[in-house]
């Protein structure tokens, strides 16, 4: 919180940034409420109370906290069983308990200091997951853009239903929707500083009023309760039903929050603290649960707007929340005239941004394997649904981590001529020095039970090819060695000694050295089998070889 050190000259910047952000946050929050299958006023509630609470507790000065397209579609998936009932009271109670559970999970994670968990989803998997979410959201909004009504179902069923109902589409609704998409995209390209969502909403409301679109078959938002958010009582009995879905929402809320906070950090502010962010976001959700808000988290687009508009502190977020409050109390009747197609257009334009082909190409250009992970995460969301898609994303990330850890690199080294530089041998450096009878190897990565066998196999293969008198294994890039790996290394050293091959270990850090010295391997190698650097080992070998 930065209010204690608040400077008077910041107020003008925060005021402008807060008003500018409100012009983007409020229309998008309303639109994302419809993605979640909730009444539009829920978006206003979410853009108010959670944002105030985060501003008071959060560590990022510019982060804007309401809801996002990802959280909205996950909320829809969790509440799917109650959304179709048409019972407003049941929907409100279920939303309240879901938001409360999400908040409680975030606070509990902070108490357990689990802030590092956000880093467990790799960037390629997150790129694929968000791309899948973007595709699902766009397909979910197409019926509103066409003026047709189909029940929520799986992705494939929705696509088939849209194709089946396409002949019954409302031409005027399509015209309104397409016009809004063109307007939004055009403003984003031509005048990116303009509040495109607000302009689209205002244009839609004006068009609906002037041309009487409701009488011509264009669906409008309809009645919006005017006034302060009502006190919502969570339906405690539903906690057991929604807690599993809440885990996924809590994970994505925190992941998006910390990612946005770090991405848009000002040069003069400290890095957002992960566990403090968990508390701030968690309490924001808990408070929001009692005023009818849906699950909330930091939004990338709205945070970017806030920062670029000149926000200096969390006061900007308080101003944005104040505008949301004023909208609830004063502008609800006006918003009721807005066409549903306008909201659908806003959602589609900003959800399309989740699908980033350039990032897929960048991943593919670097590592084909991680590109496959990204595609797998995207396919998991599209084919299995958003909640199961989270599981797929996490599992793929963990498998990727396990695959990398279980297969560390083992390089054969050579010395650059005329320099004290040892590097992996390659066709690019055919002139690098090697030393007859001496094999230089470097292992990179932690050595533990899961990769001990693979490391031993790679070392054995190089030994069989080189048939050296001495093998010097550089462990400077090994941060730790676990008992199983140590045992495998010891057995390998014993076998090589029986074959007349001496084993030297080089470049051990303090912890690894202490482990080796306490082991049978350390006693077998003695001081003459341990060397500080590769250069020292080569010098000793050449001295005795001569």
Protein backbone atom coordinates (compact mmCIF):
# COMPACT_ATOMS: atom_id res chain seq x y z
CA UNK A 1 0.00 0.00 0.00
CA UNK A 2 1.47 3.38 -0.99
CA UNK A 3 -0.99 5.81 0.57
CA UNK A 4 1.36 6.54 3.49
CA UNK A 5 3.94 7.99 1.11
CA UNK A 6 1.38 9.58 -1.21
CA UNK A 7 2.50 12.73 -2.99
CA UNK A 8 0.14 15.56 -3.80
CA UNK A 9 1.43 15.86 -7.36
CA UNK A 10 0.29 12.27 -8.07
CA UNK A 11 -3.40 13.12 -7.67
CA UNK A 12 -3.85 14.65 -11.13
CA UNK A 13 -2.28 11.60 -12.80
CA UNK A 14 -4.28 9.14 -10.68
CA UNK A 15 -7.53 10.98 -11.39
CA UNK A 16 -6.99 10.87 -15.16
CA UNK A 17 -5.84 7.24 -15.05
CA UNK A 18 -8.78 6.17 -12.85
CA UNK A 19 -11.36 7.77 -15.14
CA UNK A 20 -9.67 6.42 -18.27
CA UNK A 21 -9.50 2.92 -16.82
CA UNK A 22 -13.14 3.08 -15.79
CA UNK A 23 -14.10 3.69 -19.41
CA UNK A 24 -12.48 0.35 -20.27
CA UNK A 25 -13.03 -1.68 -17.11
CA UNK A 26 -16.77 -1.10 -16.65
CA UNK A 27 -17.96 -2.08 -20.16
CA UNK A 28 -15.69 -5.12 -20.14
CA UNK A 29 -16.78 -6.18 -16.64
CA UNK A 30 -20.40 -6.02 -17.76
CA UNK A 31 -19.56 -8.02 -20.87
CA UNK A 32 -17.62 -10.65 -18.93
CA UNK A 33 -20.53 -11.08 -16.54
CA UNK A 34 -22.57 -12.23 -19.54
CA UNK A 35 -19.77 -14.66 -20.47
CA UNK A 36 -20.17 -16.17 -17.02
CA UNK A 37 -23.93 -16.42 -17.61
CA UNK A 38 -24.60 -13.91 -14.82
CA UNK A 39 -26.66 -10.68 -14.79
CA UNK A 40 -24.76 -7.66 -16.11
CA UNK A 41 -24.89 -5.87 -12.76
CA UNK A 42 -22.60 -8.55 -11.34
CA UNK A 43 -19.87 -7.10 -13.56
CA UNK A 44 -20.40 -3.69 -11.96
CA UNK A 45 -20.22 -5.18 -8.46
CA UNK A 46 -16.98 -6.95 -9.40
CA UNK A 47 -15.46 -3.74 -10.76
CA UNK A 48 -16.16 -1.99 -7.47
CA UNK A 49 -15.67 -3.84 -4.19
CA UNK A 50 -12.80 -6.22 -5.12
CA UNK A 51 -10.94 -3.32 -6.71
CA UNK A 52 -11.24 -1.22 -3.54
CA UNK A 53 -10.04 -4.06 -1.31
CA UNK A 54 -7.09 -4.83 -3.56
CA UNK A 55 -6.13 -1.15 -3.67
CA UNK A 56 -5.93 -1.17 0.12
CA UNK A 57 -3.98 -4.43 0.47
CA UNK A 58 -2.13 -5.11 -2.80
CA UNK A 59 1.53 -4.44 -3.56
CA UNK A 60 1.18 -3.31 -7.19
CA UNK A 61 0.50 0.37 -7.71
CA UNK A 62 -1.06 0.05 -11.16
CA UNK A 63 -2.76 -3.38 -11.11
CA UNK A 64 -6.47 -3.14 -11.91
CA UNK A 65 -8.51 -5.91 -10.28
CA UNK A 66 -12.00 -6.87 -11.43
CA UNK A 67 -12.74 -9.87 -13.61
CA UNK A 68 -11.25 -11.26 -16.80
CA UNK A 69 -12.41 -13.32 -19.75
CA UNK A 70 -10.57 -16.37 -18.39
CA UNK A 71 -12.18 -16.12 -14.95
CA UNK A 72 -15.57 -15.50 -16.54
CA UNK A 73 -15.55 -18.63 -18.68
CA UNK A 74 -14.27 -20.72 -15.75
CA UNK A 75 -17.05 -19.33 -13.58
CA UNK A 76 -19.59 -20.28 -16.22
CA UNK A 77 -18.22 -23.82 -16.29
CA UNK A 78 -18.45 -24.19 -12.50
CA UNK A 79 -21.93 -22.68 -12.22
CA UNK A 80 -23.28 -24.49 -15.27
CA UNK A 81 -25.65 -26.66 -13.23
CA UNK A 82 -27.44 -23.69 -11.67
CA UNK A 83 -27.32 -21.16 -14.53
CA UNK A 84 -29.91 -23.04 -16.55
CA UNK A 85 -32.51 -23.05 -13.76
CA UNK A 86 -33.56 -19.44 -14.28
CA UNK A 87 -33.74 -18.99 -10.49
CA UNK A 88 -32.04 -15.65 -9.81
CA UNK A 89 -31.82 -16.28 -6.06
CA UNK A 90 -30.11 -19.64 -6.54
CA UNK A 91 -27.66 -18.16 -9.05
CA UNK A 92 -26.79 -15.31 -6.67
CA UNK A 93 -26.27 -17.69 -3.74
CA UNK A 94 -24.13 -20.05 -5.82
CA UNK A 95 -22.04 -17.17 -7.18
CA UNK A 96 -21.50 -15.85 -3.66
CA UNK A 97 -20.29 -19.18 -2.28
CA UNK A 98 -18.05 -19.80 -5.29
CA UNK A 99 -16.42 -16.37 -4.98
CA UNK A 100 -16.06 -16.86 -1.23
CA UNK A 101 -14.35 -20.24 -1.66
CA UNK A 102 -11.98 -18.79 -4.27
CA UNK A 103 -11.06 -16.00 -1.86
CA UNK A 104 -10.62 -18.38 1.06
CA UNK A 105 -8.36 -20.63 -1.02
CA UNK A 106 -6.18 -17.68 -2.02
CA UNK A 107 -5.82 -16.56 1.61
CA UNK A 108 -5.08 -20.12 2.73
CA UNK A 109 -2.44 -20.40 -0.01
CA UNK A 110 -0.86 -17.19 1.30
CA UNK A 111 -0.80 -18.58 4.85
CA UNK A 112 0.94 -21.70 3.52
CA UNK A 113 3.30 -19.47 1.50
CA UNK A 114 2.36 -21.07 -1.79
CA UNK A 115 3.01 -18.01 -3.92
CA UNK A 116 5.58 -19.97 -5.91
CA UNK A 117 2.79 -22.23 -7.30
CA UNK A 118 1.99 -19.63 -9.97
CA UNK A 119 5.34 -20.44 -11.57
CA UNK A 120 4.39 -24.11 -11.96
CA UNK A 121 2.48 -23.45 -15.19
CA UNK A 122 5.08 -22.97 -17.89
CA UNK A 123 4.76 -20.08 -20.30
CA UNK A 124 4.15 -22.26 -23.42
CA UNK A 125 1.40 -24.16 -21.58
CA UNK A 126 -0.16 -20.89 -20.39
CA UNK A 127 -0.05 -19.56 -23.97
CA UNK A 128 -1.89 -22.66 -25.16
CA UNK A 129 -4.38 -22.62 -22.28
CA UNK A 130 -5.33 -18.98 -22.93
CA UNK A 131 -5.61 -19.62 -26.65
CA UNK A 132 -8.04 -22.46 -25.95
CA UNK A 133 -10.00 -20.19 -23.60
CA UNK A 134 -10.14 -17.53 -26.31
CA UNK A 135 -11.56 -19.96 -28.87
CA UNK A 136 -14.16 -21.26 -26.39
CA UNK A 137 -15.27 -17.74 -25.44
CA UNK A 138 -15.63 -16.60 -29.05
CA UNK A 139 -17.76 -19.62 -29.93
CA UNK A 140 -19.81 -19.05 -26.77
CA UNK A 141 -20.57 -15.45 -27.84
CA UNK A 142 -21.39 -16.09 -31.49
CA UNK A 143 -25.06 -16.95 -30.75
CA UNK A 144 -25.55 -13.52 -29.16
CA UNK A 145 -23.91 -11.95 -32.17
CA UNK A 146 -26.36 -13.81 -34.43
CA UNK A 147 -29.43 -13.22 -32.29
CA UNK A 148 -30.05 -16.94 -31.73
CA UNK A 149 -30.52 -18.84 -28.48
CA UNK A 150 -28.88 -22.22 -27.89
CA UNK A 151 -28.22 -23.99 -24.57
CA UNK A 152 -24.70 -24.17 -23.18
CA UNK A 153 -23.01 -27.44 -24.08
CA UNK A 154 -19.66 -28.85 -25.12
CA UNK A 155 -17.56 -27.00 -27.69
CA UNK A 156 -18.33 -29.44 -30.51
CA UNK A 157 -22.07 -29.43 -29.74
CA UNK A 158 -22.13 -25.64 -29.67
CA UNK A 159 -20.44 -25.42 -33.06
CA UNK A 160 -22.96 -27.84 -34.53
CA UNK A 161 -25.89 -26.00 -32.91
CA UNK A 162 -24.70 -22.68 -34.29
CA UNK A 163 -24.43 -24.17 -37.78
CA UNK A 164 -27.92 -25.68 -37.41
CA UNK A 165 -29.53 -22.40 -36.24
CA UNK A 166 -27.61 -20.16 -38.65
CA UNK A 167 -30.60 -19.81 -41.05
CA UNK A 168 -32.68 -18.34 -38.20
CA UNK A 169 -30.16 -15.61 -37.35
CA UNK A 170 -31.42 -12.05 -36.94
CA UNK A 171 -29.95 -10.04 -39.79
CA UNK A 172 -30.22 -6.74 -37.90
CA UNK A 173 -28.51 -8.25 -34.82
CA UNK A 174 -25.69 -9.48 -37.05
CA UNK A 175 -25.35 -6.00 -38.56
CA UNK A 176 -25.16 -4.42 -35.09
CA UNK A 177 -22.60 -6.97 -33.90
CA UNK A 178 -20.38 -6.73 -36.96
CA UNK A 179 -20.53 -2.93 -36.87
CA UNK A 180 -19.42 -2.97 -33.24
CA UNK A 181 -16.55 -5.35 -33.97
CA UNK A 182 -15.38 -3.10 -36.82
CA UNK A 183 -15.70 -0.05 -34.56
CA UNK A 184 -13.74 -1.64 -31.71
CA UNK A 185 -10.98 -3.00 -33.93
CA UNK A 186 -10.76 0.27 -35.84
CA UNK A 187 -10.45 2.34 -32.68
CA UNK A 188 -7.83 0.00 -31.25
CA UNK A 189 -5.74 0.37 -34.40
CA UNK A 190 -6.31 4.04 -35.28
CA UNK A 191 -6.75 5.60 -31.83
CA UNK A 192 -5.48 3.12 -29.22
CA UNK A 193 -5.70 5.69 -26.44
CA UNK A 194 -9.44 6.11 -26.94
CA UNK A 195 -11.71 4.11 -24.56
CA UNK A 196 -13.01 1.86 -27.32
CA UNK A 197 -15.35 -0.27 -25.11
CA UNK A 198 -17.03 2.86 -23.70
CA UNK A 199 -17.49 4.32 -27.19
CA UNK A 200 -19.00 1.03 -28.39
CA UNK A 201 -21.42 0.92 -25.44
CA UNK A 202 -22.46 4.54 -25.93
CA UNK A 203 -22.90 4.01 -29.67
CA UNK A 204 -24.94 0.87 -29.07
CA UNK A 205 -27.23 2.56 -26.54
CA UNK A 206 -27.73 5.56 -28.81
CA UNK A 207 -28.44 3.36 -31.82
CA UNK A 208 -30.92 1.21 -29.89
CA UNK A 209 -32.79 4.30 -28.72
CA UNK A 210 -32.81 6.18 -32.03
CA UNK A 211 -33.66 3.24 -34.29
CA UNK A 212 -35.89 1.31 -31.91
CA UNK A 213 -33.80 -1.83 -32.24
CA UNK A 214 -35.75 -3.72 -29.57
CA UNK A 215 -38.93 -3.51 -31.65
CA UNK A 216 -36.96 -4.81 -34.64
CA UNK A 217 -35.92 -8.02 -32.90
CA UNK A 218 -32.57 -7.01 -31.43
CA UNK A 219 -32.19 -8.31 -27.87
CA UNK A 220 -31.29 -5.71 -25.25
CA UNK A 221 -29.64 -6.11 -21.86
CA UNK A 222 -32.90 -5.36 -20.10
CA UNK A 223 -33.58 -4.31 -16.53
CA UNK A 224 -30.59 -3.65 -14.30
CA UNK A 225 -31.19 -3.10 -10.57
CA UNK A 226 -30.28 0.46 -9.64
CA UNK A 227 -28.47 1.29 -6.43
CA UNK A 228 -25.87 -0.18 -4.13
CA UNK A 229 -24.96 -3.87 -4.38
CA UNK A 230 -27.26 -6.08 -2.30
CA UNK A 231 -25.90 -8.10 0.60
CA UNK A 232 -25.47 -11.66 -0.70
CA UNK A 233 -25.62 -14.65 1.61
CA UNK A 234 -23.53 -17.58 0.37
CA UNK A 235 -25.32 -20.93 0.20
CA UNK A 236 -22.97 -22.83 2.50
CA UNK A 237 -24.40 -26.20 1.53
CA UNK A 238 -23.04 -25.69 -1.99
CA UNK A 239 -19.42 -25.48 -0.83
CA UNK A 240 -18.84 -29.19 -1.37
CA UNK A 241 -20.21 -28.88 -4.91
CA UNK A 242 -18.04 -25.99 -6.03
CA UNK A 243 -14.74 -26.34 -4.20
CA UNK A 244 -13.03 -28.39 -6.94
CA UNK A 245 -13.91 -25.81 -9.59
CA UNK A 246 -12.86 -23.05 -7.21
CA UNK A 247 -9.33 -24.49 -7.12
CA UNK A 248 -8.93 -23.87 -10.85
CA UNK A 249 -10.41 -20.38 -10.64
CA UNK A 250 -8.18 -19.48 -7.67
CA UNK A 251 -5.11 -20.71 -9.53
CA UNK A 252 -5.91 -18.70 -12.65
CA UNK A 253 -6.90 -15.63 -10.61
CA UNK A 254 -3.55 -15.59 -8.88
CA UNK A 255 -1.58 -16.50 -12.03
CA UNK A 256 -3.15 -13.66 -14.02
CA UNK A 257 -2.84 -11.24 -11.11
CA UNK A 258 0.85 -11.82 -10.48
CA UNK A 259 1.62 -11.92 -14.23
CA UNK A 260 -0.13 -8.60 -14.87
CA UNK A 261 1.43 -7.02 -11.78
CA UNK A 262 4.94 -8.03 -12.82
CA UNK A 263 4.45 -7.20 -16.50
CA UNK A 264 3.28 -3.63 -15.82
CA UNK A 265 5.52 -2.79 -12.89
CA UNK A 266 6.86 0.76 -12.90
CA UNK A 267 10.61 1.26 -12.70
CA UNK A 268 10.30 3.06 -9.36
CA UNK A 269 8.26 0.38 -7.54
CA UNK A 270 9.29 -2.94 -6.00
CA UNK A 271 8.39 -6.29 -7.55
CA UNK A 272 4.93 -7.47 -6.40
CA UNK A 273 5.25 -9.93 -3.51
CA UNK A 274 3.57 -13.22 -4.42
CA UNK A 275 2.22 -14.17 -1.00
CA UNK A 276 1.04 -10.63 -0.28
CA UNK A 277 -0.76 -10.66 -3.63
CA UNK A 278 -2.48 -13.90 -2.60
CA UNK A 279 -3.79 -12.24 0.54
CA UNK A 280 -4.91 -9.09 -1.27
CA UNK A 281 -6.68 -10.98 -4.06
CA UNK A 282 -8.15 -13.47 -1.61
CA UNK A 283 -9.62 -10.83 0.70
CA UNK A 284 -10.88 -8.92 -2.35
CA UNK A 285 -12.81 -12.02 -3.44
CA UNK A 286 -14.13 -12.69 0.06
CA UNK A 287 -15.44 -9.13 0.33
CA UNK A 288 -16.87 -9.33 -3.18
CA UNK A 289 -18.73 -12.54 -2.34
CA UNK A 290 -20.98 -10.68 0.11
CA UNK A 291 -21.98 -8.01 -2.43
CA UNK A 292 -22.80 -10.26 -5.36
CA UNK A 293 -19.46 -10.08 -7.19
CA UNK A 294 -18.06 -12.91 -9.28
CA UNK A 295 -14.48 -14.24 -8.88
CA UNK A 296 -11.97 -11.46 -9.48
CA UNK A 297 -8.34 -11.06 -10.40
CA UNK A 298 -5.92 -8.71 -12.08
CA UNK A 299 -6.56 -7.98 -15.74
CA UNK A 300 -3.74 -7.44 -18.24
CA UNK A 301 -5.56 -5.09 -20.62
CA UNK A 302 -7.08 -2.87 -17.97
CA UNK A 303 -3.80 -2.72 -16.04
CA UNK A 304 -2.01 -1.65 -19.21
CA UNK A 305 -4.58 1.12 -19.72
CA UNK A 306 -4.20 2.21 -16.10
CA UNK A 307 -0.42 2.40 -16.34
CA UNK A 308 -0.31 4.08 -19.75
CA UNK A 309 -2.87 6.64 -18.59
CA UNK A 310 -0.37 7.73 -15.93
CA UNK A 311 -1.42 5.94 -12.72
CA UNK A 312 1.00 6.65 -9.89
CA UNK A 313 -0.67 4.73 -7.07
CA UNK A 314 -3.68 2.64 -5.99
CA UNK A 315 -5.69 5.87 -5.77
CA UNK A 316 -6.34 5.43 -9.51
CA UNK A 317 -8.08 2.11 -8.76
CA UNK A 318 -10.21 3.74 -6.07
CA UNK A 319 -11.34 6.32 -8.62
CA UNK A 320 -12.20 3.55 -11.10
CA UNK A 321 -14.21 1.78 -8.40
CA UNK A 322 -15.99 5.06 -7.58
CA UNK A 323 -17.05 5.40 -11.21
CA UNK A 324 -18.39 1.84 -11.11
CA UNK A 325 -20.37 2.73 -7.98
CA UNK A 326 -21.75 5.86 -9.66
CA UNK A 327 -22.71 3.76 -12.69
CA UNK A 328 -24.70 1.36 -10.47
CA UNK A 329 -26.54 4.19 -8.74
CA UNK A 330 -27.15 6.53 -11.68
CA UNK A 331 -26.69 4.88 -15.07
CA UNK A 332 -28.35 1.47 -14.69
CA UNK A 333 -31.51 2.48 -16.61
CA UNK A 334 -29.38 3.73 -19.51
CA UNK A 335 -27.31 0.56 -19.67
CA UNK A 336 -30.51 -1.48 -19.84
CA UNK A 337 -31.05 -0.18 -23.40
CA UNK A 338 -27.73 -1.61 -24.63
CA UNK A 339 -28.00 -4.41 -27.26
CA UNK A 340 -26.65 -7.81 -26.20
CA UNK A 341 -24.75 -7.89 -29.50
CA UNK A 342 -22.63 -4.97 -28.26
CA UNK A 343 -21.50 -6.95 -25.24
CA UNK A 344 -20.83 -9.96 -27.44
CA UNK A 345 -18.72 -7.82 -29.77
CA UNK A 346 -16.67 -6.48 -26.84
CA UNK A 347 -16.08 -9.98 -25.52
CA UNK A 348 -15.12 -11.36 -28.92
CA UNK A 349 -12.70 -8.54 -29.77
CA UNK A 350 -10.85 -8.76 -26.46
CA UNK A 351 -10.97 -12.55 -26.22
CA UNK A 352 -9.51 -12.98 -29.69
CA UNK A 353 -6.42 -11.36 -28.19
CA UNK A 354 -5.94 -14.48 -26.07
CA UNK A 355 -5.11 -16.40 -29.25
CA UNK A 356 -1.63 -15.23 -30.16
CA UNK A 357 -0.21 -17.01 -33.22
CA UNK A 358 3.01 -15.00 -32.93
CA UNK A 359 3.71 -16.57 -29.53
CA UNK A 360 3.06 -20.05 -30.92
CA UNK A 361 5.48 -19.31 -33.77
CA UNK A 362 8.08 -17.99 -31.33
CA UNK A 363 7.81 -21.15 -29.23
CA UNK A 364 8.02 -23.37 -32.32
CA UNK A 365 11.10 -21.54 -33.56
CA UNK A 366 12.90 -22.28 -30.31
CA UNK A 367 11.62 -25.69 -29.14
CA UNK A 368 9.26 -27.97 -31.01
CA UNK A 369 8.54 -29.97 -27.84
CA UNK A 370 7.22 -26.94 -25.97
CA UNK A 371 5.14 -26.02 -29.02
CA UNK A 372 3.47 -29.43 -28.68
CA UNK A 373 2.82 -28.68 -25.00
CA UNK A 374 1.13 -25.40 -25.96
CA UNK A 375 -1.07 -27.15 -28.53
CA UNK A 376 -1.93 -29.87 -26.02
CA UNK A 377 -3.06 -27.30 -23.45
CA UNK A 378 -5.18 -25.50 -26.06
CA UNK A 379 -6.74 -28.76 -27.24
CA UNK A 380 -7.44 -29.76 -23.64
CA UNK A 381 -9.53 -26.63 -23.08
CA UNK A 382 -11.39 -26.86 -26.39
CA UNK A 383 -12.11 -30.58 -26.35
CA UNK A 384 -12.46 -31.34 -22.64
CA UNK A 385 -13.83 -28.07 -21.29
CA UNK A 386 -12.29 -25.21 -19.36
CA UNK A 387 -12.06 -26.86 -15.95
CA UNK A 388 -10.57 -30.09 -17.26
CA UNK A 389 -8.41 -27.92 -19.48
CA UNK A 390 -6.78 -26.46 -16.34
CA UNK A 391 -5.99 -29.98 -15.19
CA UNK A 392 -4.51 -30.74 -18.61
CA UNK A 393 -2.44 -27.55 -18.47
CA UNK A 394 -1.08 -28.34 -15.00
CA UNK A 395 -0.38 -31.98 -15.84
CA UNK A 396 1.38 -31.00 -19.08
CA UNK A 397 3.47 -28.43 -17.17
CA UNK A 398 4.45 -30.98 -14.53
CA UNK A 399 5.25 -33.61 -17.16
CA UNK A 400 7.33 -31.06 -19.01
CA UNK A 401 9.17 -30.21 -15.80
CA UNK A 402 9.70 -33.89 -15.03
CA UNK A 403 10.93 -34.56 -18.59
CA UNK A 404 13.46 -31.76 -18.38
CA UNK A 405 14.66 -32.77 -14.91
CA UNK A 406 14.86 -36.45 -15.84
CA UNK A 407 17.00 -35.85 -18.90
CA UNK A 408 19.87 -33.48 -18.04
CA UNK A 409 22.55 -32.78 -20.61
CA UNK A 410 25.94 -34.50 -20.54
CA UNK A 411 28.49 -32.79 -22.78
CA UNK A 412 31.93 -33.82 -24.01
CA UNK A 413 34.20 -30.79 -23.59
CA UNK A 414 37.08 -29.41 -25.55
CA UNK A 415 39.32 -26.38 -24.92
CA UNK A 416 39.29 -23.37 -27.20
CA UNK A 417 42.76 -22.95 -28.64
CA UNK A 418 44.66 -20.09 -27.10
CA UNK A 419 42.14 -19.56 -24.33
CA UNK A 420 41.20 -20.97 -20.94
CA UNK A 421 37.68 -21.76 -22.14
CA UNK A 422 36.13 -25.23 -22.09
CA UNK A 423 32.99 -25.75 -24.14
CA UNK A 424 30.89 -28.62 -25.57
CA UNK A 425 32.42 -30.13 -28.67
CA UNK A 426 30.54 -29.33 -31.87
CA UNK A 427 30.99 -29.11 -35.63
CA UNK A 428 31.14 -25.32 -35.25
CA UNK A 429 34.41 -25.59 -33.31
CA UNK A 430 36.42 -28.39 -34.99
CA UNK A 431 39.73 -26.85 -33.89
CA UNK A 432 39.08 -27.14 -30.13
CA UNK A 433 41.78 -29.02 -28.22
CA UNK A 434 41.27 -32.52 -26.88
CA UNK A 435 43.72 -34.54 -24.82
CA UNK A 436 44.59 -38.16 -25.70
CA UNK A 437 43.60 -40.49 -22.89
CA UNK A 438 41.54 -37.79 -21.08
CA UNK A 439 37.78 -37.51 -21.44
CA UNK A 440 36.20 -34.27 -20.21
CA UNK A 441 32.49 -34.43 -19.44
CA UNK A 442 30.09 -31.86 -18.04
CA UNK A 443 26.76 -32.73 -16.40
CA UNK A 444 24.17 -29.96 -16.19
CA UNK A 445 21.24 -30.10 -13.78
CA UNK A 446 20.32 -31.60 -10.44
CA UNK A 447 21.24 -35.28 -10.09
CA UNK A 448 18.53 -37.31 -8.36
CA UNK A 449 16.73 -40.64 -8.42
CA UNK A 450 14.63 -39.87 -11.52
CA UNK A 451 17.57 -39.09 -13.78
CA UNK A 452 20.42 -41.12 -12.24
CA UNK A 453 20.00 -43.95 -14.76
CA UNK A 454 19.89 -41.61 -17.77
CA UNK A 455 23.02 -39.76 -16.66
CA UNK A 456 24.86 -43.06 -16.11
CA UNK A 457 23.85 -44.28 -19.56
CA UNK A 458 25.09 -41.09 -21.24
CA UNK A 459 28.41 -41.20 -19.38
CA UNK A 460 28.88 -44.89 -20.15
CA UNK A 461 28.21 -44.26 -23.85
CA UNK A 462 30.90 -41.59 -24.02
CA UNK A 463 33.34 -43.78 -22.10
CA UNK A 464 32.80 -46.68 -24.50
CA UNK A 465 33.46 -44.39 -27.45
CA UNK A 466 36.54 -42.63 -26.05
CA UNK A 467 38.15 -45.47 -24.02
CA UNK A 468 40.15 -42.97 -21.90
CA UNK A 469 42.67 -43.53 -19.11
CA UNK A 470 41.09 -40.71 -17.07
CA UNK A 471 37.55 -39.27 -17.13
CA UNK A 472 37.10 -35.86 -15.49
CA UNK A 473 33.45 -35.09 -14.79
CA UNK A 474 32.69 -31.38 -14.37
CA UNK A 475 29.89 -30.99 -11.79
CA UNK A 476 30.03 -27.19 -11.54
CA UNK A 477 26.55 -27.02 -13.09
CA UNK A 478 25.10 -29.57 -10.64
CA UNK A 479 23.45 -27.74 -7.70
CA UNK A 480 22.66 -30.89 -5.72
CA UNK A 481 23.19 -34.64 -5.80
CA UNK A 482 20.65 -36.99 -4.22
CA UNK A 483 21.50 -40.36 -2.58
CA UNK A 484 20.28 -42.54 -5.48
CA UNK A 485 22.34 -40.56 -8.00
CA UNK A 486 25.34 -40.60 -5.67
CA UNK A 487 25.07 -44.38 -5.37
CA UNK A 488 24.88 -44.75 -9.17
CA UNK A 489 27.93 -42.48 -9.58
CA UNK A 490 29.83 -44.50 -6.98
CA UNK A 491 29.04 -47.79 -8.71
CA UNK A 492 30.12 -46.32 -12.05
CA UNK A 493 33.41 -45.14 -10.53
CA UNK A 494 34.06 -48.61 -9.08
CA UNK A 495 33.42 -50.24 -12.48
CA UNK A 496 35.72 -47.81 -14.26
CA UNK A 497 38.46 -48.34 -11.70
CA UNK A 498 38.21 -52.10 -12.30
CA UNK A 499 38.69 -51.36 -16.01
CA UNK A 500 41.75 -49.25 -15.26
CA UNK A 501 40.05 -45.89 -15.79
CA UNK A 502 40.53 -43.19 -13.15
CA UNK A 503 37.51 -41.01 -12.30
CA UNK A 504 37.99 -37.37 -11.26
CA UNK A 505 35.28 -35.01 -10.10
CA UNK A 506 35.67 -31.32 -10.87
CA UNK A 507 34.09 -28.02 -9.84
CA UNK A 508 31.90 -29.25 -6.97
CA UNK A 509 30.01 -26.58 -5.06
CA UNK A 510 30.25 -26.54 -1.28
CA UNK A 511 27.14 -28.63 -0.61
CA UNK A 512 27.90 -31.27 -3.24
CA UNK A 513 31.51 -31.45 -2.08
CA UNK A 514 30.39 -32.07 1.51
CA UNK A 515 28.08 -34.88 0.35
CA UNK A 516 30.82 -36.51 -1.73
CA UNK A 517 33.36 -36.29 1.10
CA UNK A 518 30.99 -38.03 3.53
CA UNK A 519 30.34 -40.86 1.09
CA UNK A 520 32.22 -44.00 0.03
CA UNK A 521 32.89 -42.28 -3.30
CA UNK A 522 34.82 -39.50 -1.57
CA UNK A 523 36.92 -41.99 0.34
CA UNK A 524 37.62 -43.94 -2.85
CA UNK A 525 38.62 -40.87 -4.91
CA UNK A 526 40.62 -39.17 -2.19
CA UNK A 527 41.92 -35.64 -2.55
CA UNK A 528 43.73 -36.48 -5.77
CA UNK A 529 40.40 -37.36 -7.41
CA UNK A 530 38.76 -34.01 -6.63
CA UNK A 531 39.72 -30.82 -8.50
CA UNK A 532 38.62 -27.20 -8.28
CA UNK A 533 38.36 -26.52 -12.03
CA UNK A 534 38.63 -28.25 -15.38
CA UNK A 535 41.83 -26.29 -16.09
CA UNK A 536 43.43 -27.63 -12.90
CA UNK A 537 42.42 -31.19 -13.84
CA UNK A 538 43.84 -30.85 -17.38
CA UNK A 539 47.08 -29.36 -16.08
CA UNK A 540 47.50 -32.24 -13.62
CA UNK A 541 46.75 -34.82 -16.29
CA UNK A 542 49.22 -33.33 -18.76
CA UNK A 543 51.90 -33.13 -16.07
CA UNK A 544 51.63 -36.81 -15.15
CA UNK A 545 50.98 -37.97 -18.75
CA UNK A 546 54.25 -36.41 -19.77
